Amino acid sequence: MTAYWIAHVTVTDAKAYAGYQSLAPAAFARHGARFLARGGASEVLEGPELARHVVIAFPSLQAARDCYHSPEYRAARASRAGACIAHVVIVEGLADAEPLPEGGLSPQPGVLPGK
């Protein structure tokens, strides 16, 4: 099942962050990542303002975990130390995306409210 890596990043030292940008693509490619959003226009509706937003699709939750913990990505993370403020989350996608029911959101994926 597809999983998503969601990162919110504020770069504080562009020169140092460039090292990360040169190293990270190898880790992403090795683990089957596909960028769905990277940078681009955004609007914060709630929460703190962070400058850059990235959404990456992986073939599975395990692939996303393996990428994050890989030697290639560890090297990339080390190169960006002190160069940004980052919040990174991985989340498993739904097996079958379903429309929002009239009753609202369900606390559990695949379970309709009131059932």
PDB file of N, CA and C in Angstrom:
ATOM      1  N   MET A   1       0.844  -1.167   0.000  1.00  0.00           N
ATOM      2  CA  MET A   1       0.000   0.000   0.000  1.00  0.00           C
ATOM      3  C   MET A   1       0.897   1.241   0.000  1.00  0.00           C
ATOM      4  N   THR A   2       0.558   2.218  -0.779  1.00  0.00           N
ATOM      5  CA  THR A   2       1.340   3.447  -0.876  1.00  0.00           C
ATOM      6  C   THR A   2       1.433   4.142   0.478  1.00  0.00           C
ATOM      7  N   ALA A   3       2.584   4.724   0.742  1.00  0.00           N
ATOM      8  CA  ALA A   3       2.790   5.535   1.945  1.00  0.00           C
ATOM      9  C   ALA A   3       3.350   6.877   1.505  1.00  0.00           C
ATOM     10  N   TYR A   4       3.165   7.871   2.364  1.00  0.00           N
ATOM     11  CA  TYR A   4       3.572   9.232   2.030  1.00  0.00           C
ATOM     12  C   TYR A   4       4.514   9.781   3.083  1.00  0.00           C
ATOM     13  N   TRP A   5       5.551  10.429   2.606  1.00  0.00           N
ATOM     14  CA  TRP A   5       6.519  11.118   3.441  1.00  0.00           C
ATOM     15  C   TRP A   5       6.146  12.586   3.303  1.00  0.00           C
ATOM     16  N   ILE A   6       5.781  13.210   4.399  1.00  0.00           N
ATOM     17  CA  ILE A   6       5.369  14.607   4.386  1.00  0.00           C
ATOM     18  C   ILE A   6       6.386  15.399   5.196  1.00  0.00           C
ATOM     19  N   ALA A   7       7.011  16.362   4.563  1.00  0.00           N
ATOM     20  CA  ALA A   7       8.034  17.159   5.228  1.00  0.00           C
ATOM     21  C   ALA A   7       7.694  18.639   5.130  1.00  0.00           C
ATOM     22  N   HIS A   8       7.895  19.320   6.234  1.00  0.00           N
ATOM     23  CA  HIS A   8       7.741  20.774   6.292  1.00  0.00           C
ATOM     24  C   HIS A   8       9.104  21.301   6.719  1.00  0.00           C
ATOM     25  N   VAL A   9       9.702  22.141   5.909  1.00  0.00           N
ATOM     26  CA  VAL A   9      11.094  22.537   6.119  1.00  0.00           C
ATOM     27  C   VAL A   9      11.249  24.051   5.986  1.00  0.00           C
ATOM     28  N   THR A  10      11.995  24.628   6.914  1.00  0.00           N
ATOM     29  CA  THR A  10      12.431  26.009   6.792  1.00  0.00           C
ATOM     30  C   THR A  10      13.957  25.983   6.714  1.00  0.00           C
ATOM     31  N   VAL A  11      14.500  26.398   5.591  1.00  0.00           N
ATOM     32  CA  VAL A  11      15.951  26.416   5.394  1.00  0.00           C
ATOM     33  C   VAL A  11      16.506  27.659   6.083  1.00  0.00           C
ATOM     34  N   THR A  12      17.513  27.453   6.935  1.00  0.00           N
ATOM     35  CA  THR A  12      18.132  28.562   7.654  1.00  0.00           C
ATOM     36  C   THR A  12      19.534  28.886   7.133  1.00  0.00           C
ATOM     37  N   ASP A  13      20.123  27.952   6.365  1.00  0.00           N
ATOM     38  CA  ASP A  13      21.446  28.157   5.777  1.00  0.00           C
ATOM     39  C   ASP A  13      21.457  27.473   4.409  1.00  0.00           C
ATOM     40  N   ALA A  14      21.167  28.245   3.375  1.00  0.00           N
ATOM     41  CA  ALA A  14      21.014  27.689   2.033  1.00  0.00           C
ATOM     42  C   ALA A  14      22.284  27.000   1.534  1.00  0.00           C
ATOM     43  N   LYS A  15      23.432  27.547   1.869  1.00  0.00           N
ATOM     44  CA  LYS A  15      24.689  26.957   1.403  1.00  0.00           C
ATOM     45  C   LYS A  15      24.888  25.567   2.008  1.00  0.00           C
ATOM     46  N   ALA A  16      24.670  25.441   3.298  1.00  0.00           N
ATOM     47  CA  ALA A  16      24.811  24.135   3.949  1.00  0.00           C
ATOM     48  C   ALA A  16      23.727  23.171   3.484  1.00  0.00           C
ATOM     49  N   TYR A  17      22.527  23.659   3.244  1.00  0.00           N
ATOM     50  CA  TYR A  17      21.415  22.816   2.810  1.00  0.00           C
ATOM     51  C   TYR A  17      21.658  22.241   1.415  1.00  0.00           C
ATOM     52  N   ALA A  18      22.462  22.915   0.620  1.00  0.00           N
ATOM     53  CA  ALA A  18      22.778  22.436  -0.731  1.00  0.00           C
ATOM     54  C   ALA A  18      23.423  21.056  -0.691  1.00  0.00           C
ATOM     55  N   GLY A  19      24.164  20.753   0.356  1.00  0.00           N
ATOM     56  CA  GLY A  19      24.760  19.423   0.502  1.00  0.00           C
ATOM     57  C   GLY A  19      23.695  18.347   0.607  1.00  0.00           C
ATOM     58  N   TYR A  20      22.661  18.630   1.370  1.00  0.00           N
ATOM     59  CA  TYR A  20      21.531  17.711   1.501  1.00  0.00           C
ATOM     60  C   TYR A  20      20.869  17.497   0.140  1.00  0.00           C
ATOM     61  N   GLN A  21      20.654  18.591  -0.576  1.00  0.00           N
ATOM     62  CA  GLN A  21      19.990  18.511  -1.877  1.00  0.00           C
ATOM     63  C   GLN A  21      20.785  17.700  -2.895  1.00  0.00           C
ATOM     64  N   SER A  22      22.082  17.642  -2.730  1.00  0.00           N
ATOM     65  CA  SER A  22      22.888  16.849  -3.662  1.00  0.00           C
ATOM     66  C   SER A  22      22.947  15.370  -3.267  1.00  0.00           C
ATOM     67  N   LEU A  23      22.751  15.059  -1.973  1.00  0.00           N
ATOM     68  CA  LEU A  23      22.859  13.680  -1.502  1.00  0.00           C
ATOM     69  C   LEU A  23      21.529  12.933  -1.418  1.00  0.00           C
ATOM     70  N   ALA A  24      20.462  13.606  -1.051  1.00  0.00           N
ATOM     71  CA  ALA A  24      19.178  12.939  -0.804  1.00  0.00           C
ATOM     72  C   ALA A  24      18.583  12.228  -2.020  1.00  0.00           C
ATOM     73  N   PRO A  25      18.706  12.754  -3.241  1.00  0.00           N
ATOM     74  CA  PRO A  25      18.073  12.079  -4.382  1.00  0.00           C
ATOM     75  C   PRO A  25      18.472  10.614  -4.556  1.00  0.00           C
ATOM     76  N   ALA A  26      19.689  10.245  -4.219  1.00  0.00           N
ATOM     77  CA  ALA A  26      20.112   8.845  -4.352  1.00  0.00           C
ATOM     78  C   ALA A  26      19.291   7.941  -3.440  1.00  0.00           C
ATOM     79  N   ALA A  27      19.026   8.388  -2.221  1.00  0.00           N
ATOM     80  CA  ALA A  27      18.220   7.591  -1.293  1.00  0.00           C
ATOM     81  C   ALA A  27      16.792   7.467  -1.811  1.00  0.00           C
ATOM     82  N   PHE A  28      16.226   8.569  -2.275  1.00  0.00           N
ATOM     83  CA  PHE A  28      14.850   8.534  -2.768  1.00  0.00           C
ATOM     84  C   PHE A  28      14.729   7.598  -3.971  1.00  0.00           C
ATOM     85  N   ALA A  29      15.642   7.688  -4.903  1.00  0.00           N
ATOM     86  CA  ALA A  29      15.600   6.852  -6.102  1.00  0.00           C
ATOM     87  C   ALA A  29      15.718   5.372  -5.732  1.00  0.00           C
ATOM     88  N   ARG A  30      16.603   5.057  -4.804  1.00  0.00           N
ATOM     89  CA  ARG A  30      16.832   3.661  -4.399  1.00  0.00           C
ATOM     90  C   ARG A  30      15.594   3.025  -3.782  1.00  0.00           C
ATOM     91  N   HIS A  31      14.712   3.838  -3.205  1.00  0.00           N
ATOM     92  CA  HIS A  31      13.537   3.307  -2.504  1.00  0.00           C
ATOM     93  C   HIS A  31      12.218   3.568  -3.234  1.00  0.00           C
ATOM     94  N   GLY A  32      12.295   3.894  -4.511  1.00  0.00           N
ATOM     95  CA  GLY A  32      11.096   4.012  -5.340  1.00  0.00           C
ATOM     96  C   GLY A  32      10.237   5.230  -5.067  1.00  0.00           C
ATOM     97  N   ALA A  33      10.837   6.309  -4.577  1.00  0.00           N
ATOM     98  CA  ALA A  33      10.085   7.518  -4.233  1.00  0.00           C
ATOM     99  C   ALA A  33       9.641   8.275  -5.477  1.00  0.00           C
ATOM    100  N   ARG A  34       8.460   8.910  -5.362  1.00  0.00           N
ATOM    101  CA  ARG A  34       7.951   9.802  -6.406  1.00  0.00           C
ATOM    102  C   ARG A  34       7.530  11.100  -5.725  1.00  0.00           C
ATOM    103  N   PHE A  35       8.075  12.207  -6.169  1.00  0.00           N
ATOM    104  CA  PHE A  35       7.711  13.499  -5.591  1.00  0.00           C
ATOM    105  C   PHE A  35       6.341  13.922  -6.116  1.00  0.00           C
ATOM    106  N   LEU A  36       5.433  14.234  -5.203  1.00  0.00           N
ATOM    107  CA  LEU A  36       4.100  14.714  -5.564  1.00  0.00           C
ATOM    108  C   LEU A  36       4.014  16.224  -5.403  1.00  0.00           C
ATOM    109  N   ALA A  37       4.746  16.764  -4.446  1.00  0.00           N
ATOM    110  CA  ALA A  37       4.825  18.217  -4.233  1.00  0.00           C
ATOM    111  C   ALA A  37       6.205  18.508  -3.658  1.00  0.00           C
ATOM    112  N   ARG A  38       6.823  19.567  -4.148  1.00  0.00           N
ATOM    113  CA  ARG A  38       8.151  19.942  -3.645  1.00  0.00           C
ATOM    114  C   ARG A  38       8.306  21.449  -3.809  1.00  0.00           C
ATOM    115  N   GLY A  39       8.248  22.148  -2.670  1.00  0.00           N
ATOM    116  CA  GLY A  39       8.318  23.608  -2.746  1.00  0.00           C
ATOM    117  C   GLY A  39       6.976  24.136  -3.208  1.00  0.00           C
ATOM    118  N   GLY A  40       6.953  24.833  -4.285  1.00  0.00           N
ATOM    119  CA  GLY A  40       5.703  25.312  -4.873  1.00  0.00           C
ATOM    120  C   GLY A  40       4.910  26.246  -3.973  1.00  0.00           C
ATOM    121  N   ALA A  41       3.889  26.833  -4.552  1.00  0.00           N
ATOM    122  CA  ALA A  41       3.028  27.749  -3.810  1.00  0.00           C
ATOM    123  C   ALA A  41       2.279  26.989  -2.725  1.00  0.00           C
ATOM    124  N   SER A  42       2.133  27.616  -1.564  1.00  0.00           N
ATOM    125  CA  SER A  42       1.409  26.993  -0.461  1.00  0.00           C
ATOM    126  C   SER A  42       0.784  28.079   0.401  1.00  0.00           C
ATOM    127  N   GLU A  43      -0.144  27.661   1.224  1.00  0.00           N
ATOM    128  CA  GLU A  43      -0.823  28.578   2.130  1.00  0.00           C
ATOM    129  C   GLU A  43      -1.027  27.865   3.456  1.00  0.00           C
ATOM    130  N   VAL A  44      -0.495  28.414   4.535  1.00  0.00           N
ATOM    131  CA  VAL A  44      -0.683  27.832   5.861  1.00  0.00           C
ATOM    132  C   VAL A  44      -2.048  28.267   6.379  1.00  0.00           C
ATOM    133  N   LEU A  45      -2.897  27.296   6.685  1.00  0.00           N
ATOM    134  CA  LEU A  45      -4.234  27.589   7.192  1.00  0.00           C
ATOM    135  C   LEU A  45      -4.302  27.435   8.715  1.00  0.00           C
ATOM    136  N   GLU A  46      -3.479  26.561   9.264  1.00  0.00           N
ATOM    137  CA  GLU A  46      -3.396  26.363  10.713  1.00  0.00           C
ATOM    138  C   GLU A  46      -1.974  25.965  11.053  1.00  0.00           C
ATOM    139  N   GLY A  47      -1.536  26.293  12.237  1.00  0.00           N
ATOM    140  CA  GLY A  47      -0.210  25.883  12.699  1.00  0.00           C
ATOM    141  C   GLY A  47       0.872  26.868  12.314  1.00  0.00           C
ATOM    142  N   PRO A  48       2.121  26.486  12.641  1.00  0.00           N
ATOM    143  CA  PRO A  48       3.237  27.401  12.406  1.00  0.00           C
ATOM    144  C   PRO A  48       3.570  27.540  10.924  1.00  0.00           C
ATOM    145  N   GLU A  49       4.099  28.675  10.576  1.00  0.00           N
ATOM    146  CA  GLU A  49       4.518  28.948   9.203  1.00  0.00           C
ATOM    147  C   GLU A  49       5.874  28.285   8.970  1.00  0.00           C
ATOM    148  N   LEU A  50       5.932  27.386   8.009  1.00  0.00           N
ATOM    149  CA  LEU A  50       7.190  26.800   7.570  1.00  0.00           C
ATOM    150  C   LEU A  50       7.290  27.070   6.077  1.00  0.00           C
ATOM    151  N   ALA A  51       8.479  27.279   5.605  1.00  0.00           N
ATOM    152  CA  ALA A  51       8.657  27.822   4.263  1.00  0.00           C
ATOM    153  C   ALA A  51       8.472  26.816   3.128  1.00  0.00           C
ATOM    154  N   ARG A  52       8.812  25.559   3.344  1.00  0.00           N
ATOM    155  CA  ARG A  52       8.849  24.599   2.232  1.00  0.00           C
ATOM    156  C   ARG A  52       8.080  23.348   2.626  1.00  0.00           C
ATOM    157  N   HIS A  53       7.289  22.834   1.707  1.00  0.00           N
ATOM    158  CA  HIS A  53       6.475  21.646   1.969  1.00  0.00           C
ATOM    159  C   HIS A  53       6.758  20.616   0.882  1.00  0.00           C
ATOM    160  N   VAL A  54       6.938  19.368   1.301  1.00  0.00           N
ATOM    161  CA  VAL A  54       7.290  18.302   0.362  1.00  0.00           C
ATOM    162  C   VAL A  54       6.416  17.088   0.652  1.00  0.00           C
ATOM    163  N   VAL A  55       5.855  16.494  -0.395  1.00  0.00           N
ATOM    164  CA  VAL A  55       5.090  15.256  -0.268  1.00  0.00           C
ATOM    165  C   VAL A  55       5.707  14.255  -1.238  1.00  0.00           C
ATOM    166  N   ILE A  56       6.100  13.103  -0.698  1.00  0.00           N
ATOM    167  CA  ILE A  56       6.759  12.064  -1.491  1.00  0.00           C
ATOM    168  C   ILE A  56       5.985  10.765  -1.324  1.00  0.00           C
ATOM    169  N   ALA A  57       5.651  10.090  -2.423  1.00  0.00           N
ATOM    170  CA  ALA A  57       4.977   8.796  -2.378  1.00  0.00           C
ATOM    171  C   ALA A  57       6.022   7.684  -2.437  1.00  0.00           C
ATOM    172  N   PHE A  58       5.815   6.659  -1.617  1.00  0.00           N
ATOM    173  CA  PHE A  58       6.659   5.469  -1.615  1.00  0.00           C
ATOM    174  C   PHE A  58       5.768   4.256  -1.877  1.00  0.00           C
ATOM    175  N   PRO A  59       6.332   3.172  -2.393  1.00  0.00           N
ATOM    176  CA  PRO A  59       5.529   1.986  -2.674  1.00  0.00           C
ATOM    177  C   PRO A  59       4.873   1.386  -1.418  1.00  0.00           C
ATOM    178  N   SER A  60       5.473   1.613  -0.246  1.00  0.00           N
ATOM    179  CA  SER A  60       4.939   1.047   0.997  1.00  0.00           C
ATOM    180  C   SER A  60       5.468   1.836   2.187  1.00  0.00           C
ATOM    181  N   LEU A  61       4.842   1.609   3.330  1.00  0.00           N
ATOM    182  CA  LEU A  61       5.307   2.227   4.565  1.00  0.00           C
ATOM    183  C   LEU A  61       6.727   1.763   4.880  1.00  0.00           C
ATOM    184  N   GLN A  62       6.993   0.485   4.639  1.00  0.00           N
ATOM    185  CA  GLN A  62       8.336  -0.036   4.903  1.00  0.00           C
ATOM    186  C   GLN A  62       9.374   0.608   3.992  1.00  0.00           C
ATOM    187  N   ALA A  63       9.030   0.848   2.738  1.00  0.00           N
ATOM    188  CA  ALA A  63       9.976   1.508   1.823  1.00  0.00           C
ATOM    189  C   ALA A  63      10.293   2.919   2.309  1.00  0.00           C
ATOM    190  N   ALA A  64       9.279   3.632   2.818  1.00  0.00           N
ATOM    191  CA  ALA A  64       9.510   4.986   3.346  1.00  0.00           C
ATOM    192  C   ALA A  64      10.416   4.917   4.572  1.00  0.00           C
ATOM    193  N   ARG A  65      10.161   3.964   5.463  1.00  0.00           N
ATOM    194  CA  ARG A  65      11.028   3.792   6.645  1.00  0.00           C
ATOM    195  C   ARG A  65      12.452   3.432   6.235  1.00  0.00           C
ATOM    196  N   ASP A  66      12.563   2.479   5.306  1.00  0.00           N
ATOM    197  CA  ASP A  66      13.895   2.045   4.858  1.00  0.00           C
ATOM    198  C   ASP A  66      14.671   3.199   4.244  1.00  0.00           C
ATOM    199  N   CYS A  67      13.993   4.052   3.493  1.00  0.00           N
ATOM    200  CA  CYS A  67      14.658   5.215   2.908  1.00  0.00           C
ATOM    201  C   CYS A  67      15.181   6.126   4.006  1.00  0.00           C
ATOM    202  N   TYR A  68      14.319   6.455   4.965  1.00  0.00           N
ATOM    203  CA  TYR A  68      14.720   7.382   6.032  1.00  0.00           C
ATOM    204  C   TYR A  68      15.920   6.853   6.811  1.00  0.00           C
ATOM    205  N   HIS A  69      15.966   5.554   7.042  1.00  0.00           N
ATOM    206  CA  HIS A  69      17.039   4.962   7.854  1.00  0.00           C
ATOM    207  C   HIS A  69      18.214   4.449   7.017  1.00  0.00           C
ATOM    208  N   SER A  70      18.174   4.652   5.705  1.00  0.00           N
ATOM    209  CA  SER A  70      19.240   4.156   4.826  1.00  0.00           C
ATOM    210  C   SER A  70      20.543   4.926   5.041  1.00  0.00           C
ATOM    211  N   PRO A  71      21.674   4.297   4.732  1.00  0.00           N
ATOM    212  CA  PRO A  71      22.964   5.003   4.827  1.00  0.00           C
ATOM    213  C   PRO A  71      22.993   6.264   3.961  1.00  0.00           C
ATOM    214  N   GLU A  72      22.360   6.200   2.782  1.00  0.00           N
ATOM    215  CA  GLU A  72      22.360   7.359   1.887  1.00  0.00           C
ATOM    216  C   GLU A  72      21.606   8.532   2.513  1.00  0.00           C
ATOM    217  N   TYR A  73      20.441   8.242   3.096  1.00  0.00           N
ATOM    218  CA  TYR A  73      19.668   9.342   3.673  1.00  0.00           C
ATOM    219  C   TYR A  73      20.266   9.815   4.991  1.00  0.00           C
ATOM    220  N   ARG A  74      20.866   8.914   5.749  1.00  0.00           N
ATOM    221  CA  ARG A  74      21.556   9.352   6.983  1.00  0.00           C
ATOM    222  C   ARG A  74      22.664  10.343   6.636  1.00  0.00           C
ATOM    223  N   ALA A  75      23.396  10.083   5.566  1.00  0.00           N
ATOM    224  CA  ALA A  75      24.455  11.008   5.134  1.00  0.00           C
ATOM    225  C   ALA A  75      23.852  12.345   4.708  1.00  0.00           C
ATOM    226  N   ALA A  76      22.732  12.291   3.992  1.00  0.00           N
ATOM    227  CA  ALA A  76      22.070  13.536   3.566  1.00  0.00           C
ATOM    228  C   ALA A  76      21.597  14.329   4.781  1.00  0.00           C
ATOM    229  N   ARG A  77      20.975  13.650   5.749  1.00  0.00           N
ATOM    230  CA  ARG A  77      20.502  14.331   6.965  1.00  0.00           C
ATOM    231  C   ARG A  77      21.663  14.960   7.719  1.00  0.00           C
ATOM    232  N   ALA A  78      22.759  14.244   7.821  1.00  0.00           N
ATOM    233  CA  ALA A  78      23.929  14.772   8.535  1.00  0.00           C
ATOM    234  C   ALA A  78      24.440  16.040   7.846  1.00  0.00           C
ATOM    235  N   SER A  79      24.366  16.076   6.519  1.00  0.00           N
ATOM    236  CA  SER A  79      24.878  17.239   5.788  1.00  0.00           C
ATOM    237  C   SER A  79      24.002  18.482   5.976  1.00  0.00           C
ATOM    238  N   ARG A  80      22.745  18.284   6.375  1.00  0.00           N
ATOM    239  CA  ARG A  80      21.854  19.442   6.566  1.00  0.00           C
ATOM    240  C   ARG A  80      21.761  19.878   8.024  1.00  0.00           C
ATOM    241  N   ALA A  81      22.485  19.201   8.915  1.00  0.00           N
ATOM    242  CA  ALA A  81      22.439  19.531  10.347  1.00  0.00           C
ATOM    243  C   ALA A  81      22.728  21.010  10.553  1.00  0.00           C
ATOM    244  N   GLY A  82      21.834  21.681  11.252  1.00  0.00           N
ATOM    245  CA  GLY A  82      21.989  23.105  11.510  1.00  0.00           C
ATOM    246  C   GLY A  82      21.613  24.010  10.351  1.00  0.00           C
ATOM    247  N   ALA A  83      21.207  23.423   9.224  1.00  0.00           N
ATOM    248  CA  ALA A  83      20.894  24.218   8.034  1.00  0.00           C
ATOM    249  C   ALA A  83      19.393  24.393   7.821  1.00  0.00           C
ATOM    250  N   CYS A  84      18.576  23.734   8.662  1.00  0.00           N
ATOM    251  CA  CYS A  84      17.129  23.842   8.480  1.00  0.00           C
ATOM    252  C   CYS A  84      16.392  23.415   9.745  1.00  0.00           C
ATOM    253  N   ILE A  85      15.132  23.759   9.777  1.00  0.00           N
ATOM    254  CA  ILE A  85      14.202  23.238  10.769  1.00  0.00           C
ATOM    255  C   ILE A  85      13.277  22.328   9.985  1.00  0.00           C
ATOM    256  N   ALA A  86      13.239  21.046  10.327  1.00  0.00           N
ATOM    257  CA  ALA A  86      12.451  20.096   9.546  1.00  0.00           C
ATOM    258  C   ALA A  86      11.516  19.291  10.436  1.00  0.00           C
ATOM    259  N   HIS A  87      10.329  19.054   9.921  1.00  0.00           N
ATOM    260  CA  HIS A  87       9.341  18.163  10.536  1.00  0.00           C
ATOM    261  C   HIS A  87       9.007  17.140   9.453  1.00  0.00           C
ATOM    262  N   VAL A  88       9.300  15.870   9.730  1.00  0.00           N
ATOM    263  CA  VAL A  88       9.085  14.823   8.734  1.00  0.00           C
ATOM    264  C   VAL A  88       8.190  13.747   9.333  1.00  0.00           C
ATOM    265  N   VAL A  89       7.160  13.375   8.590  1.00  0.00           N
ATOM    266  CA  VAL A  89       6.208  12.345   9.018  1.00  0.00           C
ATOM    267  C   VAL A  89       6.016  11.386   7.861  1.00  0.00           C
ATOM    268  N   ILE A  90       5.862  10.092   8.172  1.00  0.00           N
ATOM    269  CA  ILE A  90       5.425   9.159   7.143  1.00  0.00           C
ATOM    270  C   ILE A  90       4.055   8.636   7.552  1.00  0.00           C
ATOM    271  N   VAL A  91       3.202   8.453   6.572  1.00  0.00           N
ATOM    272  CA  VAL A  91       1.841   8.002   6.834  1.00  0.00           C
ATOM    273  C   VAL A  91       1.427   7.009   5.753  1.00  0.00           C
ATOM    274  N   GLU A  92       0.766   5.945   6.182  1.00  0.00           N
ATOM    275  CA  GLU A  92       0.286   4.945   5.242  1.00  0.00           C
ATOM    276  C   GLU A  92      -0.985   5.430   4.564  1.00  0.00           C
ATOM    277  N   GLY A  93      -1.065   5.241   3.265  1.00  0.00           N
ATOM    278  CA  GLY A  93      -2.257   5.626   2.519  1.00  0.00           C
ATOM    279  C   GLY A  93      -3.383   4.629   2.727  1.00  0.00           C
ATOM    280  N   LEU A  94      -4.540   4.951   2.202  1.00  0.00           N
ATOM    281  CA  LEU A  94      -5.703   4.066   2.276  1.00  0.00           C
ATOM    282  C   LEU A  94      -5.645   3.039   1.154  1.00  0.00           C
ATOM    283  N   ALA A  95      -6.109   1.831   1.439  1.00  0.00           N
ATOM    284  CA  ALA A  95      -6.135   0.783   0.422  1.00  0.00           C
ATOM    285  C   ALA A  95      -7.028   1.202  -0.737  1.00  0.00           C
ATOM    286  N   ASP A  96      -8.199   1.680  -0.413  1.00  0.00           N
ATOM    287  CA  ASP A  96      -9.141   2.173  -1.416  1.00  0.00           C
ATOM    288  C   ASP A  96      -9.622   3.530  -0.962  1.00  0.00           C
ATOM    289  N   ALA A  97      -9.216   4.562  -1.668  1.00  0.00           N
ATOM    290  CA  ALA A  97      -9.686   5.896  -1.310  1.00  0.00           C
ATOM    291  C   ALA A  97     -11.194   5.931  -1.475  1.00  0.00           C
ATOM    292  N   GLU A  98     -11.860   6.481  -0.495  1.00  0.00           N
ATOM    293  CA  GLU A  98     -13.316   6.536  -0.549  1.00  0.00           C
ATOM    294  C   GLU A  98     -13.774   7.970  -0.342  1.00  0.00           C
ATOM    295  N   PRO A  99     -14.906   8.334  -0.925  1.00  0.00           N
ATOM    296  CA  PRO A  99     -15.407   9.703  -0.739  1.00  0.00           C
ATOM    297  C   PRO A  99     -15.807   9.932   0.711  1.00  0.00           C
ATOM    298  N   LEU A 100     -15.775  11.169   1.129  1.00  0.00           N
ATOM    299  CA  LEU A 100     -16.194  11.532   2.480  1.00  0.00           C
ATOM    300  C   LEU A 100     -17.693  11.310   2.613  1.00  0.00           C
ATOM    301  N   PRO A 101     -18.113  10.504   3.600  1.00  0.00           N
ATOM    302  CA  PRO A 101     -19.548  10.268   3.776  1.00  0.00           C
ATOM    303  C   PRO A 101     -20.248  11.511   4.310  1.00  0.00           C
ATOM    304  N   GLU A 102     -21.564  11.566   4.121  1.00  0.00           N
ATOM    305  CA  GLU A 102     -22.342  12.715   4.584  1.00  0.00           C
ATOM    306  C   GLU A 102     -22.212  12.930   6.080  1.00  0.00           C
ATOM    307  N   GLY A 103     -22.018  11.867   6.860  1.00  0.00           N
ATOM    308  CA  GLY A 103     -21.940  11.969   8.315  1.00  0.00           C
ATOM    309  C   GLY A 103     -20.621  12.514   8.828  1.00  0.00           C
ATOM    310  N   GLY A 104     -19.644  12.742   7.960  1.00  0.00           N
ATOM    311  CA  GLY A 104     -18.354  13.286   8.391  1.00  0.00           C
ATOM    312  C   GLY A 104     -17.259  12.245   8.408  1.00  0.00           C
ATOM    313  N   LEU A 105     -16.177  12.599   9.050  1.00  0.00           N
ATOM    314  CA  LEU A 105     -15.007  11.734   9.101  1.00  0.00           C
ATOM    315  C   LEU A 105     -15.185  10.606  10.098  1.00  0.00           C
ATOM    316  N   SER A 106     -14.555   9.494   9.800  1.00  0.00           N
ATOM    317  CA  SER A 106     -14.566   8.338  10.684  1.00  0.00           C
ATOM    318  C   SER A 106     -13.259   8.306  11.473  1.00  0.00           C
ATOM    319  N   PRO A 107     -13.285   7.858  12.728  1.00  0.00           N
ATOM    320  CA  PRO A 107     -12.041   7.758  13.487  1.00  0.00           C
ATOM    321  C   PRO A 107     -11.131   6.651  12.981  1.00  0.00           C
ATOM    322  N   GLN A 108     -11.657   5.725  12.179  1.00  0.00           N
ATOM    323  CA  GLN A 108     -10.862   4.631  11.646  1.00  0.00           C
ATOM    324  C   GLN A 108     -11.010   4.584  10.134  1.00  0.00           C
ATOM    325  N   PRO A 109      -9.887   4.384   9.417  1.00  0.00           N
ATOM    326  CA  PRO A 109      -9.987   4.280   7.964  1.00  0.00           C
ATOM    327  C   PRO A 109     -10.920   3.145   7.569  1.00  0.00           C
ATOM    328  N   GLY A 110     -11.749   3.370   6.581  1.00  0.00           N
ATOM    329  CA  GLY A 110     -12.622   2.325   6.063  1.00  0.00           C
ATOM    330  C   GLY A 110     -13.866   2.079   6.893  1.00  0.00           C
ATOM    331  N   VAL A 111     -14.067   2.810   7.984  1.00  0.00           N
ATOM    332  CA  VAL A 111     -15.242   2.633   8.836  1.00  0.00           C
ATOM    333  C   VAL A 111     -16.102   3.873   8.731  1.00  0.00           C
ATOM    334  N   LEU A 112     -17.330   3.711   8.318  1.00  0.00           N
ATOM    335  CA  LEU A 112     -18.239   4.841   8.206  1.00  0.00           C
ATOM    336  C   LEU A 112     -18.752   5.249   9.585  1.00  0.00           C
ATOM    337  N   PRO A 113     -18.964   6.539   9.825  1.00  0.00           N
ATOM    338  CA  PRO A 113     -19.500   6.991  11.118  1.00  0.00           C
ATOM    339  C   PRO A 113     -20.813   6.293  11.432  1.00  0.00           C
ATOM    340  N   GLY A 114     -21.016   5.946  12.709  1.00  0.00           N
ATOM    341  CA  GLY A 114     -22.257   5.331  13.147  1.00  0.00           C
ATOM    342  C   GLY A 114     -22.354   3.851  12.868  1.00  0.00           C
ATOM    343  N   LYS A 115     -21.279   3.233  12.398  1.00  0.00           N
ATOM    344  CA  LYS A 115     -21.315   1.781  12.113  1.00  0.00           C
ATOM    345  C   LYS A 115     -20.371   1.042  13.026  1.00  0.00           C
TER     346      LYS A 115
END
